[in-house]
Amino acid sequence: MDNIIANVASRVSPTVQTAPKAPGALGKEDFLRLLVAQMEKQDPLNPQDATEFTAQLAQFSSLEQLININQGMRGLDTLGALNMMSMATGTIGKVAQVSGDRLTLVNGVATRVKVDLSRDSKITKMNIYDADGKLISVQDLGNRAGGTHEVQWNGLDNKGTPVPDGVYYFDFITADAAGEAVPYATEFEGIVTGVRFENGTTMLDIGGASYSMAEISGFRQP
């Protein structure tokens, strides 16, 4: 029996490196220490039942296997994240179509915007705002049939003066023949300039902001 205790005790080494555990949680080393303490303090006249001892060792073996499986699954999660990041880096330099209300003006050329009208719109106007929320330009798009339309701001303010390059915002004013607002959805285009991994999600840097892959409908070459 002393040999058995020594063999078990030898597995409880201070040099064993384990993953951090939550406060109050028992790890496999704690389980072994309890088992060794139980064996050392057993009544010599009434020693530990061999069957019960074997069952406890089997429990420890199962615990160790579960811990190893869990650590392996964490490794797979990390590998999957790295693969996702690797694929996402291939989008750097490409033009992404993103759901939102932001556009970028570079060298006087604005990124293209798509507006999806739920039905025919008799009055359709595109408003452009600067970073402070000031309205600087209104483009009258006239009558537009229901469906998706691609529009592009000319980079001029309401006085016809070119505005500085930078990030701008937009929205639309729409109304049908009865004067009722026409629901719409918008997308803008922007160059992917970087990729980050944030809280388990792959984020793409576009036009000075970050967007998840779920917010992007497609890519194209610039």
Protein backbone atom coordinates (compact mmCIF):
# COMPACT_ATOMS: atom_id res chain seq x y z
CA MET A 1 0.00 0.00 0.00
CA ASP A 2 2.91 2.37 0.78
CA ASN A 3 4.12 1.90 -2.78
CA ILE A 4 0.70 2.83 -4.10
CA ILE A 5 0.66 5.98 -1.97
CA ALA A 6 4.14 6.91 -3.19
CA ASN A 7 3.13 6.39 -6.82
CA VAL A 8 0.05 8.53 -6.46
CA ALA A 9 1.87 11.18 -4.46
CA SER A 10 4.56 11.39 -7.11
CA ARG A 11 1.94 12.65 -9.54
CA VAL A 12 1.19 15.63 -7.30
CA SER A 13 4.24 17.71 -8.14
CA PRO A 14 4.64 21.44 -7.52
CA THR A 15 6.27 21.69 -10.94
CA VAL A 16 3.11 20.64 -12.77
CA GLN A 17 1.77 23.52 -14.86
CA THR A 18 -2.00 23.73 -15.06
CA ALA A 19 -4.45 26.13 -16.56
CA PRO A 20 -5.85 28.78 -14.17
CA LYS A 21 -9.06 27.72 -12.50
CA ALA A 22 -11.91 29.68 -11.06
CA PRO A 23 -11.76 30.51 -7.32
CA GLY A 24 -13.16 27.61 -5.27
CA ALA A 25 -12.91 25.14 -8.15
CA LEU A 26 -11.04 21.85 -7.71
CA GLY A 27 -8.46 20.78 -10.27
CA LYS A 28 -6.91 17.37 -10.83
CA GLU A 29 -3.99 18.17 -8.45
CA ASP A 30 -6.47 19.01 -5.68
CA PHE A 31 -8.25 15.71 -6.32
CA LEU A 32 -4.98 13.80 -6.01
CA ARG A 33 -3.98 15.59 -2.80
CA LEU A 34 -7.31 14.65 -1.22
CA LEU A 35 -6.83 11.05 -2.33
CA VAL A 36 -3.31 10.87 -0.89
CA ALA A 37 -4.42 12.49 2.38
CA GLN A 38 -7.25 9.96 2.65
CA MET A 39 -4.83 7.06 2.18
CA GLU A 40 -2.25 8.42 4.61
CA LYS A 41 -4.80 8.94 7.36
CA GLN A 42 -6.65 5.65 6.96
CA ASP A 43 -7.01 3.33 9.94
CA PRO A 44 -4.21 0.71 9.75
CA LEU A 45 -6.58 -1.82 11.30
CA ASN A 46 -9.27 -1.02 8.75
CA PRO A 47 -7.44 -0.08 5.50
CA GLN A 48 -9.06 1.49 2.44
CA ASP A 49 -11.17 -0.95 0.50
CA ALA A 50 -9.31 -1.87 -2.71
CA THR A 51 -12.49 -1.71 -4.79
CA GLU A 52 -13.35 1.78 -3.55
CA PHE A 53 -9.77 2.94 -4.09
CA THR A 54 -9.83 1.63 -7.67
CA ALA A 55 -13.10 3.47 -8.30
CA GLN A 56 -11.55 6.72 -7.03
CA LEU A 57 -8.57 6.28 -9.33
CA ALA A 58 -10.95 5.70 -12.22
CA GLN A 59 -12.75 8.94 -11.31
CA PHE A 60 -9.44 10.76 -11.36
CA SER A 61 -8.59 9.27 -14.75
CA SER A 62 -11.93 10.45 -16.14
CA LEU A 63 -11.38 13.91 -14.67
CA GLU A 64 -7.94 14.16 -16.25
CA GLN A 65 -9.28 13.08 -19.64
CA LEU A 66 -12.08 15.66 -19.48
CA ILE A 67 -9.57 18.39 -18.63
CA ASN A 68 -7.34 17.37 -21.53
CA ILE A 69 -10.32 17.32 -23.91
CA ASN A 70 -11.36 20.79 -22.74
CA GLN A 71 -7.85 22.15 -23.27
CA GLY A 72 -7.79 20.56 -26.72
CA MET A 73 -11.09 22.23 -27.64
CA ARG A 74 -9.67 25.58 -26.55
CA GLY A 75 -6.77 24.95 -28.89
CA LEU A 76 -9.17 24.27 -31.75
CA ASP A 77 -11.03 27.51 -31.00
CA THR A 78 -7.74 29.41 -31.17
CA LEU A 79 -6.80 27.69 -34.42
CA GLY A 80 -10.19 28.56 -35.91
CA ALA A 81 -9.76 32.19 -34.91
CA LEU A 82 -6.31 32.29 -36.50
CA ASN A 83 -7.70 30.78 -39.71
CA MET A 84 -10.46 33.40 -39.76
CA MET A 85 -7.90 36.15 -39.24
CA SER A 86 -5.74 34.74 -42.02
CA MET A 87 -8.66 34.74 -44.46
CA ALA A 88 -9.73 38.22 -43.38
CA THR A 89 -6.29 39.68 -44.10
CA GLY A 90 -6.91 38.81 -47.74
CA THR A 91 -9.57 41.55 -47.81
CA ILE A 92 -7.07 44.35 -47.02
CA GLY A 93 -6.96 46.80 -49.90
CA LYS A 94 -10.30 45.65 -51.30
CA VAL A 95 -13.49 47.71 -51.45
CA ALA A 96 -16.13 46.47 -49.02
CA GLN A 97 -19.88 47.08 -49.20
CA VAL A 98 -21.00 47.91 -45.67
CA SER A 99 -24.42 48.51 -44.13
CA GLY A 100 -24.34 52.01 -42.62
CA ASP A 101 -24.38 55.77 -43.16
CA ARG A 102 -20.71 56.68 -43.57
CA LEU A 103 -18.68 57.60 -46.63
CA THR A 104 -15.12 58.72 -47.24
CA LEU A 105 -13.89 61.47 -49.52
CA VAL A 106 -10.39 60.81 -50.92
CA ASN A 107 -8.75 63.15 -53.47
CA GLY A 108 -12.15 64.75 -53.94
CA VAL A 109 -13.83 61.45 -54.87
CA ALA A 110 -16.51 60.05 -52.58
CA THR A 111 -17.16 56.37 -52.03
CA ARG A 112 -20.31 55.12 -53.71
CA VAL A 113 -23.54 54.69 -51.77
CA LYS A 114 -26.39 52.28 -52.43
CA VAL A 115 -29.94 53.02 -51.36
CA ASP A 116 -32.61 50.33 -51.48
CA LEU A 117 -36.10 51.90 -51.73
CA SER A 118 -39.02 49.75 -50.57
CA ARG A 119 -41.28 51.33 -53.23
CA ASP A 120 -41.35 54.17 -55.77
CA SER A 121 -40.18 57.50 -54.38
CA LYS A 122 -41.32 60.80 -55.95
CA ILE A 123 -39.03 62.89 -53.77
CA THR A 124 -35.54 61.49 -53.16
CA LYS A 125 -32.77 63.58 -51.66
CA MET A 126 -29.38 62.64 -50.26
CA ASN A 127 -28.12 64.74 -47.34
CA ILE A 128 -24.39 64.93 -46.55
CA TYR A 129 -23.12 65.87 -43.08
CA ASP A 130 -19.62 66.63 -41.82
CA ALA A 131 -18.04 64.99 -38.77
CA ASP A 132 -19.76 67.56 -36.49
CA GLY A 133 -23.19 66.69 -37.87
CA LYS A 134 -23.54 69.90 -39.87
CA LEU A 135 -25.52 69.59 -43.11
CA ILE A 136 -23.18 70.66 -45.91
CA SER A 137 -24.77 69.29 -49.09
CA VAL A 138 -28.13 68.17 -50.43
CA GLN A 139 -28.34 66.22 -53.68
CA ASP A 140 -31.74 66.06 -55.35
CA LEU A 141 -32.12 62.62 -56.95
CA GLY A 142 -35.66 63.21 -58.22
CA ASN A 143 -38.07 60.36 -58.92
CA ARG A 144 -36.70 56.90 -58.18
CA ALA A 145 -38.37 53.55 -58.72
CA GLY A 146 -38.47 51.04 -55.90
CA GLY A 147 -35.32 48.91 -55.69
CA THR A 148 -31.58 49.49 -55.34
CA HIS A 149 -29.88 52.60 -56.73
CA GLU A 150 -26.24 53.57 -56.68
CA VAL A 151 -25.48 57.23 -56.04
CA GLN A 152 -22.25 59.18 -55.56
CA TRP A 153 -21.78 62.54 -53.92
CA ASN A 154 -19.81 65.00 -56.04
CA GLY A 155 -17.68 66.18 -53.10
CA LEU A 156 -19.06 69.72 -53.21
CA ASP A 157 -20.97 71.67 -50.59
CA ASN A 158 -24.22 73.53 -51.29
CA LYS A 159 -22.22 76.51 -52.61
CA GLY A 160 -20.41 74.33 -55.14
CA THR A 161 -17.13 74.52 -53.22
CA PRO A 162 -14.98 71.35 -52.88
CA VAL A 163 -14.81 70.15 -49.29
CA PRO A 164 -11.73 68.64 -47.58
CA ASP A 165 -11.04 64.92 -47.78
CA GLY A 166 -12.27 62.96 -44.78
CA VAL A 167 -15.15 61.00 -43.31
CA TYR A 168 -18.72 62.21 -43.87
CA TYR A 169 -22.21 60.91 -43.07
CA PHE A 170 -25.38 60.70 -45.10
CA ASP A 171 -29.09 60.01 -44.97
CA PHE A 172 -32.01 60.28 -47.38
CA ILE A 173 -35.28 62.15 -47.54
CA THR A 174 -37.91 60.12 -49.40
CA ALA A 175 -41.61 60.53 -50.10
CA ASP A 176 -44.11 58.82 -52.38
CA ALA A 177 -46.87 60.50 -54.46
CA ALA A 178 -49.06 60.72 -51.35
CA GLY A 179 -46.33 62.44 -49.37
CA GLU A 180 -45.63 59.40 -47.21
CA ALA A 181 -42.02 58.59 -46.34
CA VAL A 182 -40.59 55.65 -48.28
CA PRO A 183 -38.65 53.19 -46.10
CA TYR A 184 -35.12 52.52 -47.31
CA ALA A 185 -31.87 50.76 -46.43
CA THR A 186 -28.37 51.97 -47.27
CA GLU A 187 -24.90 50.64 -47.88
CA PHE A 188 -21.65 52.44 -48.46
CA GLU A 189 -18.29 51.39 -49.88
CA GLY A 190 -14.91 51.72 -48.25
CA ILE A 191 -11.35 50.41 -48.52
CA VAL A 192 -10.37 47.75 -45.97
CA THR A 193 -7.24 49.12 -44.28
CA GLY A 194 -6.76 46.65 -41.41
CA VAL A 195 -7.99 43.54 -39.61
CA ARG A 196 -8.36 43.00 -35.86
CA PHE A 197 -9.64 40.22 -33.58
CA GLU A 198 -11.87 41.70 -30.88
CA ASN A 199 -13.81 39.72 -28.25
CA GLY A 200 -13.93 36.64 -30.46
CA THR A 201 -15.02 38.59 -33.55
CA THR A 202 -13.01 39.46 -36.65
CA MET A 203 -13.26 43.21 -37.25
CA LEU A 204 -12.31 45.08 -40.43
CA ASP A 205 -11.10 48.69 -40.35
CA ILE A 206 -12.95 50.68 -43.01
CA GLY A 207 -13.19 54.44 -43.39
CA GLY A 208 -11.96 55.22 -39.88
CA ALA A 209 -14.30 52.75 -38.12
CA SER A 210 -14.46 49.01 -37.44
CA TYR A 211 -17.10 46.60 -38.76
CA SER A 212 -17.76 42.91 -38.25
CA MET A 213 -17.94 40.52 -41.19
CA ALA A 214 -21.70 40.22 -40.56
CA GLU A 215 -22.11 43.91 -41.50
CA ILE A 216 -20.40 43.46 -44.87
CA SER A 217 -22.37 42.25 -47.88
CA GLY A 218 -19.49 41.88 -50.34
CA PHE A 219 -16.09 42.92 -51.66
CA ARG A 220 -14.73 44.12 -54.96
CA GLN A 221 -11.36 45.14 -56.36
CA PRO A 222 -10.71 48.92 -56.18
